[in-house]
Amino acid sequence: MALKLSSQLPLSFQKSHNGSQRWPIPHPIPSPNLAGCGCSLLPSGVTSLSRRSGGRGAVHAVKEEETLPSALAEADVSKTPSSSSKLVLVIGGTGGVGQLIVASLLSRNIKSRLLLRDPSKAISLFGIQDENIIEVHKGDTRNPSDLDSTIFEGVTHVICCTGTTAFPSKRWDGDNTPERVDWEGIRNLVLALPPTIERLVLVSSVGVTKYNELPWSIMNLFGVLKFKKMGEDFVRNSGLPFTIIRAGRLTDGPYTSYDLNTLLKATAGKRRAVMISQGDKLVGEVSRLVVAEACIQALDIDCTKGQIYEINSIEGDGPGSDPEKWKELFKAAEAN
């Protein structure tokens, strides 16, 4: 059964006492219902077949069923209290990868907090949700004054997947350039984070260590790879527990903003087999769904702490949401 979201979405949030944005009281708008909704992010059963590829990458293949686990299928995310002790702060939660991360956290019933320039986008994307499951703060990492300490209260984990285009485009309007987003924004965020967070996961890009070499120097004509590397280095030297995921060229939707129903039914097509490498030697493409899942898995896999990985996806079955399969992938990359 498909997820049902009301088209009568409110246009604004209510202010909470600490400056966060509360979801409006969900009446008469019905809450989203995940019952029976199919989702490639969360397979209900897997059997394993793994192999190593040539070079420094690792490929993991499993047989996936593209349905939610039965326990999740019976749950209503908007009404069920979070069973996880995590509070995941997502920066860039309405972008292509970020939308999928938030939708997957919702489907796992993990509480999330979003920092958004435009909080109204959260309702159009994710529907009406209980504040115990998801809350929204208005803010912009480019502006240090927006990063009030209340944003980070209780946060255990952080996923940052902000970004802009490599070349001048409409997305650069309002000073949304690589320098401002990928360098200054990351620096501001790291400086504002409390030392108590258990993991910071940063989405970056392959090629950041080779931005003066062809063909990467073409991509870096306006500095995107250089500024991403500067952001990475600031994270690495911060003393915070981190994992950096360097994505290949992003493929598959969402290319624009969808709703939660669409996000939960998104698939990676045939490109579900995952390649993970280290040393910035991997070249290729990766599904946005694979990147989103890698970020969520890295939150809890101990061996990923303090590590940088490159990630691609190729045709074939993938690890789905099985943590043991992902752990094997990450460990294989470190061993090569």
C-alpha atoms as a PDB file:
ATOM      1  CA  MET A   1       0.000   0.000   0.000  1.00  0.00           C
ATOM      2  CA  ALA A   2       1.390   3.347  -0.966  1.00  0.00           C
ATOM      3  CA  LEU A   3       2.122   6.007   1.603  1.00  0.00           C
ATOM      4  CA  LYS A   4      -0.643   8.620   1.773  1.00  0.00           C
ATOM      5  CA  LEU A   5       0.268  12.232   2.286  1.00  0.00           C
ATOM      6  CA  SER A   6      -2.253  15.040   2.400  1.00  0.00           C
ATOM      7  CA  SER A   7      -1.996  17.695  -0.272  1.00  0.00           C
ATOM      8  CA  GLN A   8      -3.206  20.275   2.277  1.00  0.00           C
ATOM      9  CA  LEU A   9       0.226  21.022   3.664  1.00  0.00           C
ATOM     10  CA  PRO A  10       0.618  23.983   5.997  1.00  0.00           C
ATOM     11  CA  LEU A  11       2.818  26.813   4.815  1.00  0.00           C
ATOM     12  CA  SER A  12       4.636  27.534   8.062  1.00  0.00           C
ATOM     13  CA  PHE A  13       5.906  25.989  11.276  1.00  0.00           C
ATOM     14  CA  GLN A  14       5.171  26.956  14.837  1.00  0.00           C
ATOM     15  CA  LYS A  15       7.983  28.379  16.954  1.00  0.00           C
ATOM     16  CA  SER A  16       9.112  26.315  19.915  1.00  0.00           C
ATOM     17  CA  HIS A  17      10.455  27.833  23.107  1.00  0.00           C
ATOM     18  CA  ASN A  18      14.065  27.200  22.083  1.00  0.00           C
ATOM     19  CA  GLY A  19      13.822  28.599  18.559  1.00  0.00           C
ATOM     20  CA  SER A  20      13.328  25.299  16.749  1.00  0.00           C
ATOM     21  CA  GLN A  21      10.451  24.836  14.333  1.00  0.00           C
ATOM     22  CA  ARG A  22       7.659  22.591  15.567  1.00  0.00           C
ATOM     23  CA  TRP A  23       5.526  20.581  13.216  1.00  0.00           C
ATOM     24  CA  PRO A  24       1.999  21.994  13.194  1.00  0.00           C
ATOM     25  CA  ILE A  25      -0.645  20.009  15.050  1.00  0.00           C
ATOM     26  CA  PRO A  26      -1.486  17.273  12.548  1.00  0.00           C
ATOM     27  CA  HIS A  27      -5.250  17.808  12.436  1.00  0.00           C
ATOM     28  CA  PRO A  28      -7.113  17.315  10.218  1.00  0.00           C
ATOM     29  CA  ILE A  29      -4.133  16.164   8.140  1.00  0.00           C
ATOM     30  CA  PRO A  30      -3.546  12.400   8.497  1.00  0.00           C
ATOM     31  CA  SER A  31      -0.046  11.236   9.384  1.00  0.00           C
ATOM     32  CA  PRO A  32       1.945   9.273   6.811  1.00  0.00           C
ATOM     33  CA  ASN A  33       1.421   5.522   7.063  1.00  0.00           C
ATOM     34  CA  LEU A  34       4.265   3.238   6.061  1.00  0.00           C
ATOM     35  CA  ALA A  35       2.197   0.066   6.209  1.00  0.00           C
ATOM     36  CA  GLY A  36       3.095  -2.202   3.335  1.00  0.00           C
ATOM     37  CA  CYS A  37       5.211   0.406   1.561  1.00  0.00           C
ATOM     38  CA  GLY A  38       8.033  -1.036  -0.553  1.00  0.00           C
ATOM     39  CA  CYS A  39      11.531   0.357  -0.037  1.00  0.00           C
ATOM     40  CA  SER A  40      14.846  -0.720  -1.520  1.00  0.00           C
ATOM     41  CA  LEU A  41      16.732   0.893   1.367  1.00  0.00           C
ATOM     42  CA  LEU A  42      15.504  -1.647   3.875  1.00  0.00           C
ATOM     43  CA  PRO A  43      15.365  -5.226   2.549  1.00  0.00           C
ATOM     44  CA  SER A  44      13.480  -7.725   4.693  1.00  0.00           C
ATOM     45  CA  GLY A  45      15.822 -10.594   4.010  1.00  0.00           C
ATOM     46  CA  VAL A  46      19.294 -11.187   2.610  1.00  0.00           C
ATOM     47  CA  THR A  47      21.615 -14.015   1.730  1.00  0.00           C
ATOM     48  CA  SER A  48      25.279 -13.292   1.214  1.00  0.00           C
ATOM     49  CA  LEU A  49      27.709 -13.723  -1.636  1.00  0.00           C
ATOM     50  CA  SER A  50      30.823 -11.556  -1.451  1.00  0.00           C
ATOM     51  CA  ARG A  51      33.948 -11.166  -3.565  1.00  0.00           C
ATOM     52  CA  ARG A  52      36.860  -8.792  -3.922  1.00  0.00           C
ATOM     53  CA  SER A  53      37.428  -6.813  -7.058  1.00  0.00           C
ATOM     54  CA  GLY A  54      40.725  -5.860  -8.573  1.00  0.00           C
ATOM     55  CA  GLY A  55      42.602  -2.836  -7.246  1.00  0.00           C
ATOM     56  CA  ARG A  56      41.777  -1.285  -3.903  1.00  0.00           C
ATOM     57  CA  GLY A  57      38.007  -1.549  -4.132  1.00  0.00           C
ATOM     58  CA  ALA A  58      35.709  -4.108  -2.560  1.00  0.00           C
ATOM     59  CA  VAL A  59      32.460  -5.325  -4.127  1.00  0.00           C
ATOM     60  CA  HIS A  60      29.687  -6.819  -2.042  1.00  0.00           C
ATOM     61  CA  ALA A  61      26.723  -8.604  -3.565  1.00  0.00           C
ATOM     62  CA  VAL A  62      23.661  -9.899  -1.745  1.00  0.00           C
ATOM     63  CA  LYS A  63      20.198 -10.965  -2.787  1.00  0.00           C
ATOM     64  CA  GLU A  64      17.767  -8.204  -1.838  1.00  0.00           C
ATOM     65  CA  GLU A  65      14.025  -8.108  -1.313  1.00  0.00           C
ATOM     66  CA  GLU A  66      12.774  -4.578  -1.915  1.00  0.00           C
ATOM     67  CA  THR A  67      10.237  -4.508   0.893  1.00  0.00           C
ATOM     68  CA  LEU A  68      10.263  -3.025   4.364  1.00  0.00           C
ATOM     69  CA  PRO A  69      10.753  -5.386   7.286  1.00  0.00           C
ATOM     70  CA  SER A  70       7.445  -6.674   8.580  1.00  0.00           C
ATOM     71  CA  ALA A  71       7.893  -4.920  11.925  1.00  0.00           C
ATOM     72  CA  LEU A  72       8.345  -1.600  10.179  1.00  0.00           C
ATOM     73  CA  ALA A  73       5.474  -2.268   7.816  1.00  0.00           C
ATOM     74  CA  GLU A  74       3.135  -2.532  10.802  1.00  0.00           C
ATOM     75  CA  ALA A  75       4.407   0.682  12.396  1.00  0.00           C
ATOM     76  CA  ASP A  76       3.222   4.249  11.932  1.00  0.00           C
ATOM     77  CA  VAL A  77       6.361   6.394  12.075  1.00  0.00           C
ATOM     78  CA  SER A  78       4.442   9.508  13.092  1.00  0.00           C
ATOM     79  CA  LYS A  79       2.939   7.852  16.186  1.00  0.00           C
ATOM     80  CA  THR A  80       5.555   5.389  17.375  1.00  0.00           C
ATOM     81  CA  PRO A  81       8.179   6.761  19.790  1.00  0.00           C
ATOM     82  CA  SER A  82      11.740   6.349  18.603  1.00  0.00           C
ATOM     83  CA  SER A  83      13.264   3.101  19.839  1.00  0.00           C
ATOM     84  CA  SER A  84      16.790   4.372  19.166  1.00  0.00           C
ATOM     85  CA  SER A  85      18.901   6.390  21.559  1.00  0.00           C
ATOM     86  CA  LYS A  86      20.326   8.319  18.620  1.00  0.00           C
ATOM     87  CA  LEU A  87      19.514  11.890  17.746  1.00  0.00           C
ATOM     88  CA  VAL A  88      20.933  12.467  14.271  1.00  0.00           C
ATOM     89  CA  LEU A  89      21.476  16.023  13.089  1.00  0.00           C
ATOM     90  CA  VAL A  90      21.254  16.145   9.292  1.00  0.00           C
ATOM     91  CA  ILE A  91      22.748  19.150   7.496  1.00  0.00           C
ATOM     92  CA  GLY A  92      21.530  19.420   3.893  1.00  0.00           C
ATOM     93  CA  GLY A  93      18.499  17.221   4.490  1.00  0.00           C
ATOM     94  CA  THR A  94      16.531  18.517   1.494  1.00  0.00           C
ATOM     95  CA  GLY A  95      19.268  17.904  -1.086  1.00  0.00           C
ATOM     96  CA  GLY A  96      19.432  14.881  -3.365  1.00  0.00           C
ATOM     97  CA  VAL A  97      21.296  12.616  -0.915  1.00  0.00           C
ATOM     98  CA  GLY A  98      19.958  14.349   2.190  1.00  0.00           C
ATOM     99  CA  GLN A  99      16.313  13.646   1.306  1.00  0.00           C
ATOM    100  CA  LEU A 100      17.090   9.944   1.149  1.00  0.00           C
ATOM    101  CA  ILE A 101      19.013  10.012   4.427  1.00  0.00           C
ATOM    102  CA  VAL A 102      16.117  11.656   6.277  1.00  0.00           C
ATOM    103  CA  ALA A 103      13.526   9.328   4.713  1.00  0.00           C
ATOM    104  CA  SER A 104      15.613   6.318   5.707  1.00  0.00           C
ATOM    105  CA  LEU A 105      16.045   7.577   9.281  1.00  0.00           C
ATOM    106  CA  LEU A 106      12.274   8.030   9.454  1.00  0.00           C
ATOM    107  CA  SER A 107      11.667   4.525   8.168  1.00  0.00           C
ATOM    108  CA  ARG A 108      14.067   3.186  10.815  1.00  0.00           C
ATOM    109  CA  ASN A 109      12.265   5.217  13.498  1.00  0.00           C
ATOM    110  CA  ILE A 110      15.488   7.058  14.381  1.00  0.00           C
ATOM    111  CA  LYS A 111      14.967  10.584  15.670  1.00  0.00           C
ATOM    112  CA  SER A 112      16.434  13.288  13.465  1.00  0.00           C
ATOM    113  CA  ARG A 113      16.913  17.023  13.632  1.00  0.00           C
ATOM    114  CA  LEU A 114      17.239  19.004  10.413  1.00  0.00           C
ATOM    115  CA  LEU A 115      19.106  22.272   9.917  1.00  0.00           C
ATOM    116  CA  LEU A 116      17.554  23.913   6.871  1.00  0.00           C
ATOM    117  CA  ARG A 117      17.712  27.283   5.186  1.00  0.00           C
ATOM    118  CA  ASP A 118      14.050  26.878   4.248  1.00  0.00           C
ATOM    119  CA  PRO A 119      12.181  24.833   6.893  1.00  0.00           C
ATOM    120  CA  SER A 120       8.968  24.787   4.848  1.00  0.00           C
ATOM    121  CA  LYS A 121      10.603  22.271   2.500  1.00  0.00           C
ATOM    122  CA  ALA A 122      10.598  19.679   5.266  1.00  0.00           C
ATOM    123  CA  ILE A 123       6.807  19.339   5.265  1.00  0.00           C
ATOM    124  CA  SER A 124       6.540  19.136   1.479  1.00  0.00           C
ATOM    125  CA  LEU A 125       9.165  16.381   1.483  1.00  0.00           C
ATOM    126  CA  PHE A 126       8.484  14.388   4.629  1.00  0.00           C
ATOM    127  CA  GLY A 127       4.889  15.194   5.532  1.00  0.00           C
ATOM    128  CA  ILE A 128       3.572  15.877   9.023  1.00  0.00           C
ATOM    129  CA  GLN A 129       5.666  14.083  11.631  1.00  0.00           C
ATOM    130  CA  ASP A 130       5.627  13.967  15.410  1.00  0.00           C
ATOM    131  CA  GLU A 131       8.232  16.232  17.003  1.00  0.00           C
ATOM    132  CA  ASN A 132       9.490  13.199  18.926  1.00  0.00           C
ATOM    133  CA  ILE A 133      10.620  11.751  15.600  1.00  0.00           C
ATOM    134  CA  ILE A 134      11.792  14.754  13.593  1.00  0.00           C
ATOM    135  CA  GLU A 135      12.286  18.444  14.286  1.00  0.00           C
ATOM    136  CA  VAL A 136      13.515  21.322  12.187  1.00  0.00           C
ATOM    137  CA  HIS A 137      15.745  24.302  12.919  1.00  0.00           C
ATOM    138  CA  LYS A 138      16.173  27.192  10.528  1.00  0.00           C
ATOM    139  CA  GLY A 139      19.820  27.942   9.853  1.00  0.00           C
ATOM    140  CA  ASP A 140      22.639  28.187   7.349  1.00  0.00           C
ATOM    141  CA  THR A 141      26.120  26.798   7.958  1.00  0.00           C
ATOM    142  CA  ARG A 142      27.569  29.715   5.969  1.00  0.00           C
ATOM    143  CA  ASN A 143      26.508  32.010   8.808  1.00  0.00           C
ATOM    144  CA  PRO A 144      28.191  31.199  12.156  1.00  0.00           C
ATOM    145  CA  SER A 145      25.543  33.205  14.025  1.00  0.00           C
ATOM    146  CA  ASP A 146      22.888  30.734  12.830  1.00  0.00           C
ATOM    147  CA  LEU A 147      24.609  27.840  14.613  1.00  0.00           C
ATOM    148  CA  ASP A 148      23.112  28.411  18.023  1.00  0.00           C
ATOM    149  CA  SER A 149      24.008  25.923  20.756  1.00  0.00           C
ATOM    150  CA  THR A 150      20.350  24.850  21.066  1.00  0.00           C
ATOM    151  CA  ILE A 151      20.626  23.237  17.634  1.00  0.00           C
ATOM    152  CA  PHE A 152      23.102  20.718  19.031  1.00  0.00           C
ATOM    153  CA  GLU A 153      21.447  19.934  22.367  1.00  0.00           C
ATOM    154  CA  GLY A 154      21.124  16.172  22.742  1.00  0.00           C
ATOM    155  CA  VAL A 155      22.638  15.432  19.326  1.00  0.00           C
ATOM    156  CA  THR A 156      24.585  12.155  19.240  1.00  0.00           C
ATOM    157  CA  HIS A 157      25.461  11.891  15.551  1.00  0.00           C
ATOM    158  CA  VAL A 158      25.801  14.311  12.634  1.00  0.00           C
ATOM    159  CA  ILE A 159      25.526  13.724   8.883  1.00  0.00           C
ATOM    160  CA  CYS A 160      26.552  16.624   6.654  1.00  0.00           C
ATOM    161  CA  CYS A 161      25.678  16.350   2.967  1.00  0.00           C
ATOM    162  CA  THR A 162      25.656  19.973   1.869  1.00  0.00           C
ATOM    163  CA  GLY A 163      26.962  20.973  -1.535  1.00  0.00           C
ATOM    164  CA  THR A 164      26.517  23.106  -4.619  1.00  0.00           C
ATOM    165  CA  THR A 165      27.382  22.848  -8.310  1.00  0.00           C
ATOM    166  CA  ALA A 166      30.984  22.682  -9.498  1.00  0.00           C
ATOM    167  CA  PHE A 167      30.394  25.316 -12.178  1.00  0.00           C
ATOM    168  CA  PRO A 168      28.505  28.623 -11.977  1.00  0.00           C
ATOM    169  CA  SER A 169      24.772  28.028 -12.099  1.00  0.00           C
ATOM    170  CA  LYS A 170      21.525  29.332 -10.658  1.00  0.00           C
ATOM    171  CA  ARG A 171      22.361  27.399  -7.512  1.00  0.00           C
ATOM    172  CA  TRP A 172      25.199  29.851  -6.909  1.00  0.00           C
ATOM    173  CA  ASP A 173      22.675  32.649  -6.384  1.00  0.00           C
ATOM    174  CA  GLY A 174      22.903  34.164  -2.922  1.00  0.00           C
ATOM    175  CA  ASP A 175      26.620  33.442  -2.576  1.00  0.00           C
ATOM    176  CA  ASN A 176      26.031  29.694  -2.616  1.00  0.00           C
ATOM    177  CA  THR A 177      29.492  28.974  -4.053  1.00  0.00           C
ATOM    178  CA  PRO A 178      31.819  26.035  -3.346  1.00  0.00           C
ATOM    179  CA  GLU A 179      34.023  28.218  -1.170  1.00  0.00           C
ATOM    180  CA  ARG A 180      31.101  29.328   0.976  1.00  0.00           C
ATOM    181  CA  VAL A 181      29.410  25.917   1.194  1.00  0.00           C
ATOM    182  CA  ASP A 182      32.174  23.300   1.033  1.00  0.00           C
ATOM    183  CA  TRP A 183      34.825  25.184   2.950  1.00  0.00           C
ATOM    184  CA  GLU A 184      33.388  27.970   5.103  1.00  0.00           C
ATOM    185  CA  GLY A 185      30.168  26.103   5.862  1.00  0.00           C
ATOM    186  CA  ILE A 186      32.004  22.954   6.956  1.00  0.00           C
ATOM    187  CA  ARG A 187      34.465  24.955   9.039  1.00  0.00           C
ATOM    188  CA  ASN A 188      31.652  26.834  10.770  1.00  0.00           C
ATOM    189  CA  LEU A 189      29.764  23.627  11.492  1.00  0.00           C
ATOM    190  CA  VAL A 190      32.783  21.825  12.941  1.00  0.00           C
ATOM    191  CA  LEU A 191      33.639  24.775  15.177  1.00  0.00           C
ATOM    192  CA  ALA A 192      30.083  24.809  16.521  1.00  0.00           C
ATOM    193  CA  LEU A 193      29.741  21.076  17.200  1.00  0.00           C
ATOM    194  CA  PRO A 194      30.010  19.906  20.815  1.00  0.00           C
ATOM    195  CA  PRO A 195      32.837  17.475  21.662  1.00  0.00           C
ATOM    196  CA  THR A 196      30.266  14.950  22.887  1.00  0.00           C
ATOM    197  CA  ILE A 197      29.063  13.834  19.449  1.00  0.00           C
ATOM    198  CA  GLU A 198      29.745  10.183  18.727  1.00  0.00           C
ATOM    199  CA  ARG A 199      30.272  10.529  14.977  1.00  0.00           C
ATOM    200  CA  LEU A 200      30.366  13.159  12.253  1.00  0.00           C
ATOM    201  CA  VAL A 201      29.807  11.761   8.757  1.00  0.00           C
ATOM    202  CA  LEU A 202      30.758  14.107   5.924  1.00  0.00           C
ATOM    203  CA  VAL A 203      29.815  13.512   2.286  1.00  0.00           C
ATOM    204  CA  SER A 204      32.618  14.665  -0.006  1.00  0.00           C
ATOM    205  CA  SER A 205      33.794  13.759  -3.511  1.00  0.00           C
ATOM    206  CA  VAL A 206      36.283  11.506  -5.224  1.00  0.00           C
ATOM    207  CA  GLY A 207      39.205  13.359  -6.792  1.00  0.00           C
ATOM    208  CA  VAL A 208      39.709  15.893  -3.991  1.00  0.00           C
ATOM    209  CA  THR A 209      43.374  14.952  -3.568  1.00  0.00           C
ATOM    210  CA  LYS A 210      44.051  15.317  -7.308  1.00  0.00           C
ATOM    211  CA  TYR A 211      42.409  18.614  -8.158  1.00  0.00           C
ATOM    212  CA  ASN A 212      45.559  19.840  -9.942  1.00  0.00           C
ATOM    213  CA  GLU A 213      45.663  16.775 -12.212  1.00  0.00           C
ATOM    214  CA  LEU A 214      43.677  16.056 -15.352  1.00  0.00           C
ATOM    215  CA  PRO A 215      40.798  15.345 -15.638  1.00  0.00           C
ATOM    216  CA  TRP A 216      40.068  16.537 -12.096  1.00  0.00           C
ATOM    217  CA  SER A 217      41.517  19.989 -12.757  1.00  0.00           C
ATOM    218  CA  ILE A 218      38.662  20.597 -15.193  1.00  0.00           C
ATOM    219  CA  MET A 219      36.112  19.818 -12.519  1.00  0.00           C
ATOM    220  CA  ASN A 220      38.062  22.082 -10.185  1.00  0.00           C
ATOM    221  CA  LEU A 221      38.120  25.140 -12.474  1.00  0.00           C
ATOM    222  CA  PHE A 222      36.052  27.052  -9.901  1.00  0.00           C
ATOM    223  CA  GLY A 223      37.609  25.380  -6.875  1.00  0.00           C
ATOM    224  CA  VAL A 224      34.982  22.831  -5.843  1.00  0.00           C
ATOM    225  CA  LEU A 225      37.430  19.971  -5.244  1.00  0.00           C
ATOM    226  CA  LYS A 226      39.967  22.216  -3.530  1.00  0.00           C
ATOM    227  CA  PHE A 227      37.351  23.587  -1.145  1.00  0.00           C
ATOM    228  CA  LYS A 228      35.944  20.131  -0.436  1.00  0.00           C
ATOM    229  CA  LYS A 229      39.449  18.970   0.461  1.00  0.00           C
ATOM    230  CA  MET A 230      39.883  21.971   2.759  1.00  0.00           C
ATOM    231  CA  GLY A 231      36.621  21.029   4.460  1.00  0.00           C
ATOM    232  CA  GLU A 232      37.787  17.429   4.799  1.00  0.00           C
ATOM    233  CA  ASP A 233      41.094  18.501   6.338  1.00  0.00           C
ATOM    234  CA  PHE A 234      39.326  20.696   8.873  1.00  0.00           C
ATOM    235  CA  VAL A 235      37.161  17.732   9.907  1.00  0.00           C
ATOM    236  CA  ARG A 236      40.197  15.437  10.130  1.00  0.00           C
ATOM    237  CA  ASN A 237      42.094  17.864  12.347  1.00  0.00           C
ATOM    238  CA  SER A 238      39.132  18.765  14.563  1.00  0.00           C
ATOM    239  CA  GLY A 239      39.548  15.992  17.095  1.00  0.00           C
ATOM    240  CA  LEU A 240      35.948  14.897  16.496  1.00  0.00           C
ATOM    241  CA  PRO A 241      35.179  11.253  15.664  1.00  0.00           C
ATOM    242  CA  PHE A 242      34.538  11.347  11.913  1.00  0.00           C
ATOM    243  CA  THR A 243      33.928   9.321   8.798  1.00  0.00           C
ATOM    244  CA  ILE A 244      34.265  10.865   5.335  1.00  0.00           C
ATOM    245  CA  ILE A 245      32.387   9.339   2.384  1.00  0.00           C
ATOM    246  CA  ARG A 246      33.764  10.451  -0.980  1.00  0.00           C
ATOM    247  CA  ALA A 247      31.100   9.820  -3.575  1.00  0.00           C
ATOM    248  CA  GLY A 248      31.637   9.210  -7.266  1.00  0.00           C
ATOM    249  CA  ARG A 249      29.447  10.974  -9.822  1.00  0.00           C
ATOM    250  CA  LEU A 250      25.939  10.845  -8.368  1.00  0.00           C
ATOM    251  CA  THR A 251      23.267   8.974 -10.325  1.00  0.00           C
ATOM    252  CA  ASP A 252      19.593   8.099  -9.831  1.00  0.00           C
ATOM    253  CA  GLY A 253      16.966  10.327  -8.270  1.00  0.00           C
ATOM    254  CA  PRO A 254      15.882  12.367  -6.592  1.00  0.00           C
ATOM    255  CA  TYR A 255      16.932  15.108  -8.963  1.00  0.00           C
ATOM    256  CA  THR A 256      14.280  17.444  -7.570  1.00  0.00           C
ATOM    257  CA  SER A 257      12.226  17.580  -4.384  1.00  0.00           C
ATOM    258  CA  TYR A 258       9.730  14.750  -3.990  1.00  0.00           C
ATOM    259  CA  ASP A 259       7.521  13.650  -1.122  1.00  0.00           C
ATOM    260  CA  LEU A 260       8.184  10.929   1.446  1.00  0.00           C
ATOM    261  CA  ASN A 261       6.101   8.423  -0.482  1.00  0.00           C
ATOM    262  CA  THR A 262       8.315   8.816  -3.543  1.00  0.00           C
ATOM    263  CA  LEU A 263      11.524   8.794  -1.516  1.00  0.00           C
ATOM    264  CA  LEU A 264      10.687   5.553   0.268  1.00  0.00           C
ATOM    265  CA  LYS A 265       9.927   3.847  -3.034  1.00  0.00           C
ATOM    266  CA  ALA A 266      13.102   5.085  -4.711  1.00  0.00           C
ATOM    267  CA  THR A 267      15.443   2.423  -6.038  1.00  0.00           C
ATOM    268  CA  ALA A 268      18.980   2.348  -7.314  1.00  0.00           C
ATOM    269  CA  GLY A 269      17.858   0.488 -10.403  1.00  0.00           C
ATOM    270  CA  LYS A 270      20.427  -2.138 -11.356  1.00  0.00           C
ATOM    271  CA  ARG A 271      23.321  -0.263  -9.713  1.00  0.00           C
ATOM    272  CA  ARG A 272      23.114  -1.770  -6.230  1.00  0.00           C
ATOM    273  CA  ALA A 273      26.454  -3.552  -5.922  1.00  0.00           C
ATOM    274  CA  VAL A 274      28.751  -1.382  -3.829  1.00  0.00           C
ATOM    275  CA  MET A 275      32.445  -0.666  -4.350  1.00  0.00           C
ATOM    276  CA  ILE A 276      34.370   0.915  -1.467  1.00  0.00           C
ATOM    277  CA  SER A 277      38.005   1.951  -1.675  1.00  0.00           C
ATOM    278  CA  GLN A 278      40.583   4.152   0.034  1.00  0.00           C
ATOM    279  CA  GLY A 279      43.393   6.337  -1.275  1.00  0.00           C
ATOM    280  CA  ASP A 280      41.283   8.362  -3.745  1.00  0.00           C
ATOM    281  CA  LYS A 281      41.858   5.853  -6.535  1.00  0.00           C
ATOM    282  CA  LEU A 282      38.237   5.002  -7.322  1.00  0.00           C
ATOM    283  CA  VAL A 283      36.646   6.509 -10.443  1.00  0.00           C
ATOM    284  CA  GLY A 284      33.051   6.049 -11.499  1.00  0.00           C
ATOM    285  CA  GLU A 285      29.441   6.616 -10.539  1.00  0.00           C
ATOM    286  CA  VAL A 286      27.351   5.934  -7.459  1.00  0.00           C
ATOM    287  CA  SER A 287      23.648   5.854  -6.752  1.00  0.00           C
ATOM    288  CA  ARG A 288      22.425   8.487  -4.319  1.00  0.00           C
ATOM    289  CA  LEU A 289      20.641   5.728  -2.406  1.00  0.00           C
ATOM    290  CA  VAL A 290      23.943   3.903  -1.900  1.00  0.00           C
ATOM    291  CA  VAL A 291      25.601   7.074  -0.572  1.00  0.00           C
ATOM    292  CA  ALA A 292      22.704   7.690   1.809  1.00  0.00           C
ATOM    293  CA  GLU A 293      22.855   4.140   3.129  1.00  0.00           C
ATOM    294  CA  ALA A 294      26.642   4.295   3.539  1.00  0.00           C
ATOM    295  CA  CYS A 295      26.286   7.413   5.697  1.00  0.00           C
ATOM    296  CA  ILE A 296      23.714   5.805   7.972  1.00  0.00           C
ATOM    297  CA  GLN A 297      25.705   2.583   8.289  1.00  0.00           C
ATOM    298  CA  ALA A 298      28.909   4.469   9.132  1.00  0.00           C
ATOM    299  CA  LEU A 299      27.244   5.960  12.209  1.00  0.00           C
ATOM    300  CA  ASP A 300      27.430   2.626  14.044  1.00  0.00           C
ATOM    301  CA  ILE A 301      30.309   0.678  12.487  1.00  0.00           C
ATOM    302  CA  ASP A 302      33.311   1.172  14.755  1.00  0.00           C
ATOM    303  CA  CYS A 303      35.967   0.461  12.133  1.00  0.00           C
ATOM    304  CA  THR A 304      34.826   3.469  10.073  1.00  0.00           C
ATOM    305  CA  LYS A 305      35.823   5.927  12.797  1.00  0.00           C
ATOM    306  CA  GLY A 306      38.621   8.216  11.591  1.00  0.00           C
ATOM    307  CA  GLN A 307      38.483   6.760   8.083  1.00  0.00           C
ATOM    308  CA  ILE A 308      37.975   8.169   4.576  1.00  0.00           C
ATOM    309  CA  TYR A 309      36.337   6.038   1.904  1.00  0.00           C
ATOM    310  CA  GLU A 310      35.527   6.396  -1.770  1.00  0.00           C
ATOM    311  CA  ILE A 311      32.296   4.767  -2.899  1.00  0.00           C
ATOM    312  CA  ASN A 312      30.831   3.727  -6.248  1.00  0.00           C
ATOM    313  CA  SER A 313      28.004   1.429  -7.271  1.00  0.00           C
ATOM    314  CA  ILE A 314      27.753  -0.904 -10.221  1.00  0.00           C
ATOM    315  CA  GLU A 315      25.177  -3.260 -11.670  1.00  0.00           C
ATOM    316  CA  GLY A 316      24.324  -6.161  -9.405  1.00  0.00           C
ATOM    317  CA  ASP A 317      22.718  -6.843  -6.069  1.00  0.00           C
ATOM    318  CA  GLY A 318      23.987  -4.867  -3.090  1.00  0.00           C
ATOM    319  CA  PRO A 319      24.227  -4.991   0.700  1.00  0.00           C
ATOM    320  CA  GLY A 320      20.917  -3.263   1.279  1.00  0.00           C
ATOM    321  CA  SER A 321      20.699  -2.172   4.907  1.00  0.00           C
ATOM    322  CA  ASP A 322      22.467  -5.184   6.425  1.00  0.00           C
ATOM    323  CA  PRO A 323      25.104  -3.813   8.850  1.00  0.00           C
ATOM    324  CA  GLU A 324      27.232  -6.958   8.689  1.00  0.00           C
ATOM    325  CA  LYS A 325      27.518  -6.702   4.918  1.00  0.00           C
ATOM    326  CA  TRP A 326      28.484  -3.041   5.166  1.00  0.00           C
ATOM    327  CA  LYS A 327      31.015  -3.788   7.895  1.00  0.00           C
ATOM    328  CA  GLU A 328      32.607  -6.395   5.630  1.00  0.00           C
ATOM    329  CA  LEU A 329      32.762  -3.848   2.808  1.00  0.00           C
ATOM    330  CA  PHE A 330      34.414  -1.159   4.927  1.00  0.00           C
ATOM    331  CA  LYS A 331      36.910  -3.603   6.416  1.00  0.00           C
ATOM    332  CA  ALA A 332      37.801  -5.014   3.002  1.00  0.00           C
ATOM    333  CA  ALA A 333      38.561  -1.512   1.728  1.00  0.00           C
ATOM    334  CA  GLU A 334      40.928  -0.892   4.648  1.00  0.00           C
ATOM    335  CA  ALA A 335      42.704  -4.209   4.052  1.00  0.00           C
ATOM    336  CA  ASN A 336      43.474  -3.470   0.386  1.00  0.00           C
END
